[in-house]
Amino acid sequence: MTAPGPDAARSRLAGLYQAFNARDMPTLLAAMTPDVCWPNGWEGGVLHGRAEVSAYWRRQWAEIEPSVTPTAFTEEADGRVAVSVRQVVRDKAGAKLANDTVTHVYRLVDGLVAEMEIRPRP
């Protein structure tokens, strides 16, 4: 199993941010390994597998309206891809709850997301 090159990874991840903002669950889940390890940035903890990630996002989207826009992509020394992201979160009435920048770090295996980490802005 190998990680994709930087250009392929960047293109793949940019498309996944678009899918997230469109709430396109099938596209998102198809882009993950079956045993994906995903942070639960909203409630805390770590999720394992597509079913847990799907359930998490459904709960999240029922309560809040997050939108994420990548602003920069960097390949790390270990091959992971760090993505600086502008994150805007609104409540269901449209009031802004958060507007900040975070870094999402992805490990890809054979072009699929195997793991994601959230790093707060330094």
C-alpha atoms as a PDB file:
ATOM      1  CA  MET A   1       0.000   0.000   0.000  1.00  0.00           C
ATOM      2  CA  THR A   2       1.297   3.396  -0.922  1.00  0.00           C
ATOM      3  CA  ALA A   3       0.382   7.025  -0.495  1.00  0.00           C
ATOM      4  CA  PRO A   4      -0.520   9.013  -3.616  1.00  0.00           C
ATOM      5  CA  GLY A   5       1.806  11.753  -4.877  1.00  0.00           C
ATOM      6  CA  PRO A   6       1.353  15.286  -3.539  1.00  0.00           C
ATOM      7  CA  ASP A   7      -0.634  16.563  -6.528  1.00  0.00           C
ATOM      8  CA  ALA A   8      -3.013  13.600  -6.480  1.00  0.00           C
ATOM      9  CA  ALA A   9      -3.459  13.922  -2.709  1.00  0.00           C
ATOM     10  CA  ARG A  10      -4.151  17.649  -2.955  1.00  0.00           C
ATOM     11  CA  SER A  11      -6.718  17.156  -5.705  1.00  0.00           C
ATOM     12  CA  ARG A  12      -8.374  14.293  -3.829  1.00  0.00           C
ATOM     13  CA  LEU A  13      -8.593  16.222  -0.550  1.00  0.00           C
ATOM     14  CA  ALA A  14      -9.857  19.431  -2.199  1.00  0.00           C
ATOM     15  CA  GLY A  15     -12.688  17.394  -3.702  1.00  0.00           C
ATOM     16  CA  LEU A  16     -13.507  15.912  -0.319  1.00  0.00           C
ATOM     17  CA  TYR A  17     -13.870  19.370   1.238  1.00  0.00           C
ATOM     18  CA  GLN A  18     -16.340  20.229  -1.526  1.00  0.00           C
ATOM     19  CA  ALA A  19     -18.211  16.975  -0.836  1.00  0.00           C
ATOM     20  CA  PHE A  20     -18.308  17.738   2.907  1.00  0.00           C
ATOM     21  CA  ASN A  21     -19.737  21.212   2.314  1.00  0.00           C
ATOM     22  CA  ALA A  22     -22.344  19.670  -0.032  1.00  0.00           C
ATOM     23  CA  ARG A  23     -23.152  16.990   2.608  1.00  0.00           C
ATOM     24  CA  ASP A  24     -22.342  14.295   0.026  1.00  0.00           C
ATOM     25  CA  MET A  25     -21.974  11.360   2.413  1.00  0.00           C
ATOM     26  CA  PRO A  26     -21.535   8.621  -0.241  1.00  0.00           C
ATOM     27  CA  THR A  27     -18.573  10.423  -1.821  1.00  0.00           C
ATOM     28  CA  LEU A  28     -16.974  11.096   1.557  1.00  0.00           C
ATOM     29  CA  LEU A  29     -17.287   7.545   2.844  1.00  0.00           C
ATOM     30  CA  ALA A  30     -16.071   6.030  -0.435  1.00  0.00           C
ATOM     31  CA  ALA A  31     -12.886   8.076  -0.056  1.00  0.00           C
ATOM     32  CA  MET A  32     -12.021   6.446   3.304  1.00  0.00           C
ATOM     33  CA  THR A  33     -10.487   3.116   4.173  1.00  0.00           C
ATOM     34  CA  PRO A  34     -13.011   0.785   5.847  1.00  0.00           C
ATOM     35  CA  ASP A  35     -11.080   1.092   9.140  1.00  0.00           C
ATOM     36  CA  VAL A  36     -10.514   4.857   8.944  1.00  0.00           C
ATOM     37  CA  CYS A  37      -9.417   6.575  12.178  1.00  0.00           C
ATOM     38  CA  TRP A  38     -11.183   9.953  12.446  1.00  0.00           C
ATOM     39  CA  PRO A  39     -11.199  12.594  15.215  1.00  0.00           C
ATOM     40  CA  ASN A  40     -14.527  13.565  16.702  1.00  0.00           C
ATOM     41  CA  GLY A  41     -13.800  17.279  16.734  1.00  0.00           C
ATOM     42  CA  TRP A  42     -17.310  18.190  17.787  1.00  0.00           C
ATOM     43  CA  GLU A  43     -18.022  15.823  20.701  1.00  0.00           C
ATOM     44  CA  GLY A  44     -14.513  14.592  21.516  1.00  0.00           C
ATOM     45  CA  GLY A  45     -12.783  11.255  21.115  1.00  0.00           C
ATOM     46  CA  VAL A  46     -11.826   9.204  18.080  1.00  0.00           C
ATOM     47  CA  LEU A  47     -14.032   7.348  15.616  1.00  0.00           C
ATOM     48  CA  HIS A  48     -13.125   4.079  13.921  1.00  0.00           C
ATOM     49  CA  GLY A  49     -14.597   2.934  10.636  1.00  0.00           C
ATOM     50  CA  ARG A  50     -16.934   4.424   8.063  1.00  0.00           C
ATOM     51  CA  ALA A  51     -20.116   3.640  10.026  1.00  0.00           C
ATOM     52  CA  GLU A  52     -18.961   5.625  13.059  1.00  0.00           C
ATOM     53  CA  VAL A  53     -17.871   8.574  10.895  1.00  0.00           C
ATOM     54  CA  SER A  54     -21.193   8.528   9.046  1.00  0.00           C
ATOM     55  CA  ALA A  55     -23.205   8.490  12.275  1.00  0.00           C
ATOM     56  CA  TYR A  56     -21.061  11.304  13.680  1.00  0.00           C
ATOM     57  CA  TRP A  57     -21.558  13.552  10.677  1.00  0.00           C
ATOM     58  CA  ARG A  58     -25.304  12.892  10.627  1.00  0.00           C
ATOM     59  CA  ARG A  59     -25.538  13.955  14.299  1.00  0.00           C
ATOM     60  CA  GLN A  60     -23.370  16.992  13.632  1.00  0.00           C
ATOM     61  CA  TRP A  61     -25.275  18.127  10.550  1.00  0.00           C
ATOM     62  CA  ALA A  62     -28.574  17.770  12.396  1.00  0.00           C
ATOM     63  CA  GLU A  63     -27.392  20.324  14.977  1.00  0.00           C
ATOM     64  CA  ILE A  64     -24.941  22.710  13.272  1.00  0.00           C
ATOM     65  CA  GLU A  65     -23.855  23.883   9.807  1.00  0.00           C
ATOM     66  CA  PRO A  66     -20.077  23.581   9.458  1.00  0.00           C
ATOM     67  CA  SER A  67     -18.306  24.740   6.324  1.00  0.00           C
ATOM     68  CA  VAL A  68     -14.620  24.088   5.656  1.00  0.00           C
ATOM     69  CA  THR A  69     -12.464  25.681   2.967  1.00  0.00           C
ATOM     70  CA  PRO A  70      -8.881  24.581   2.373  1.00  0.00           C
ATOM     71  CA  THR A  71      -6.419  27.464   2.084  1.00  0.00           C
ATOM     72  CA  ALA A  72      -3.048  25.644   1.857  1.00  0.00           C
ATOM     73  CA  PHE A  73      -1.682  22.127   1.403  1.00  0.00           C
ATOM     74  CA  THR A  74       1.715  20.963   2.700  1.00  0.00           C
ATOM     75  CA  GLU A  75       3.354  17.559   2.506  1.00  0.00           C
ATOM     76  CA  GLU A  76       4.899  16.541   5.823  1.00  0.00           C
ATOM     77  CA  ALA A  77       8.190  14.664   6.156  1.00  0.00           C
ATOM     78  CA  ASP A  78       6.340  11.409   6.919  1.00  0.00           C
ATOM     79  CA  GLY A  79       4.232  11.674   3.755  1.00  0.00           C
ATOM     80  CA  ARG A  80       1.061  12.910   5.426  1.00  0.00           C
ATOM     81  CA  VAL A  81      -0.693  15.939   3.960  1.00  0.00           C
ATOM     82  CA  ALA A  82      -1.418  18.952   6.179  1.00  0.00           C
ATOM     83  CA  VAL A  83      -4.286  21.156   5.050  1.00  0.00           C
ATOM     84  CA  SER A  84      -4.859  24.620   6.515  1.00  0.00           C
ATOM     85  CA  VAL A  85      -8.610  25.071   6.674  1.00  0.00           C
ATOM     86  CA  ARG A  86     -10.891  28.044   7.269  1.00  0.00           C
ATOM     87  CA  GLN A  87     -13.688  26.627   9.389  1.00  0.00           C
ATOM     88  CA  VAL A  88     -16.978  28.466   9.791  1.00  0.00           C
ATOM     89  CA  VAL A  89     -19.683  26.969  11.982  1.00  0.00           C
ATOM     90  CA  ARG A  90     -23.226  28.298  12.139  1.00  0.00           C
ATOM     91  CA  ASP A  91     -26.262  27.221  14.093  1.00  0.00           C
ATOM     92  CA  LYS A  92     -29.378  26.111  12.230  1.00  0.00           C
ATOM     93  CA  ALA A  93     -30.733  29.689  12.342  1.00  0.00           C
ATOM     94  CA  GLY A  94     -27.591  30.959  10.581  1.00  0.00           C
ATOM     95  CA  ALA A  95     -25.837  32.615  13.530  1.00  0.00           C
ATOM     96  CA  LYS A  96     -22.068  32.255  13.393  1.00  0.00           C
ATOM     97  CA  LEU A  97     -20.721  30.109  16.236  1.00  0.00           C
ATOM     98  CA  ALA A  98     -17.093  29.848  15.121  1.00  0.00           C
ATOM     99  CA  ASN A  99     -14.792  31.223  12.447  1.00  0.00           C
ATOM    100  CA  ASP A 100     -11.230  30.026  12.752  1.00  0.00           C
ATOM    101  CA  THR A 101      -8.331  28.322  11.067  1.00  0.00           C
ATOM    102  CA  VAL A 102      -7.258  24.797  11.922  1.00  0.00           C
ATOM    103  CA  THR A 103      -4.966  22.247  10.322  1.00  0.00           C
ATOM    104  CA  HIS A 104      -6.216  18.846   9.203  1.00  0.00           C
ATOM    105  CA  VAL A 105      -3.490  16.238   8.718  1.00  0.00           C
ATOM    106  CA  TYR A 106      -4.276  13.220   6.541  1.00  0.00           C
ATOM    107  CA  ARG A 107      -2.609   9.865   6.041  1.00  0.00           C
ATOM    108  CA  LEU A 108      -3.665   8.335   2.750  1.00  0.00           C
ATOM    109  CA  VAL A 109      -3.292   4.699   1.741  1.00  0.00           C
ATOM    110  CA  ASP A 110      -3.817   3.775  -1.897  1.00  0.00           C
ATOM    111  CA  GLY A 111      -5.543   7.131  -2.416  1.00  0.00           C
ATOM    112  CA  LEU A 112      -7.986   6.645   0.470  1.00  0.00           C
ATOM    113  CA  VAL A 113      -8.054   8.539   3.762  1.00  0.00           C
ATOM    114  CA  ALA A 114      -6.851   6.162   6.468  1.00  0.00           C
ATOM    115  CA  GLU A 115      -6.444   8.700   9.268  1.00  0.00           C
ATOM    116  CA  MET A 116      -7.097  12.351  10.035  1.00  0.00           C
ATOM    117  CA  GLU A 117      -5.785  14.535  12.845  1.00  0.00           C
ATOM    118  CA  ILE A 118      -6.962  18.009  13.830  1.00  0.00           C
ATOM    119  CA  ARG A 119      -4.333  20.471  14.978  1.00  0.00           C
ATOM    120  CA  PRO A 120      -5.388  23.780  16.497  1.00  0.00           C
ATOM    121  CA  ARG A 121      -3.973  26.977  15.110  1.00  0.00           C
ATOM    122  CA  PRO A 122      -0.606  27.680  16.769  1.00  0.00           C
END
